[in-house]
Amino acid sequence: MTECEEASSRPATHGLKLERNATSSGNVTRPLIRIAAALLFLASCDAFAAPCQFESQGDGRVAAIVDARSVRLDDGREIRLSGIEPTATTKQALASLLVGRDVTLRSADDTPDRYGRQGGLVFIGESDTPVQAMLLAQGEAIVSAEIADKDCAAALMSSEAEARRQKKGNWADLSAIKNAESPDDILAGIGRFMVVEGKVLSVRQAGAMTYLNFGRNWTRGFAVTISRRAVPAFENAGVALKSLENRRIRVRGWVEGNTGPRIDVLRVGQVELLSANEPTGVRP
């Protein structure tokens, strides 16, 4: 059970504490402060939940965990959790959270994928917090940046960021974030979803592709590729690709390449600008 779920199940307990302490002279202020703090905490949970309340696409009881990102309901439907990429511990965490639980699926679109799975955000019982956020907050998953809704995407990213700051789960491993200056380390993970940080040394356009180069050797260094059709999304977000030159960024995606590693960026959410004083996620 997450901190938000635990807090939401304790309002009666807080009330009893307040009533008991209020009977003692001069002992009212402290309980009131605790109640106020609890209410603020619950408000922060609700603030997360609000952006991700899409239309309900049905409900059911989880009968089995298919893989690290898919579950099967007791009516036979297979559900794919949108918005996350799994880590080594995601499947186990899903089993602990979901097996035998009643869930609701929410998404903006009920179209199944080519494997017949319904995709969306999964909510346990009456909870307003998606399971994806619970996994991200504990470092048991990575944001995939596939959620198109800006506010919901930002809320999921915030959950991941907090887990990174606290070095929870996946983020306790120093190699969880790759250094763009170590291309061989990135290339070793070809075919995997990775998070990479580094400074963009140059921005170059070749045909319909824009390259963000992190190394001076363009053929062997790490690079991000952005197709021409993806550029308008960056411009609408107020990001000119040329402005990324000499900026530190964090990028996530599937690693490709032969001589040098590449991540093809399809969505704006795959790229995060890092402030000058933000600590680097990993050292080589």
Foldseek 3Di string as FASTA:
>chain_A
DDPLVVLVVCPVVLVVVQVVQVVDPPRNVVSVVVVVVSVVVNVVQVLLLVLAAADWPDKAAFAAQPDLAWTAGPVGAIEGEPFWAFDPCSSVVCCVPGHGFIKIFGDNDQDADPVRHGYGFIDTDPDSDTPLLVCLLQQGIGGPQPRPRPSNNVSSVVSNVNCLVVCGDLLVDQPQEAEQACQVSVVVQAQDKGKYKAAQAFWDDDPQKIWRFRDPPRQAGEIEIEGNVQQVQCVVVVHDPRVSHRFMKMFIAHWDDDRTIYGYDRHPSRIGTDDPPDDDSHDD
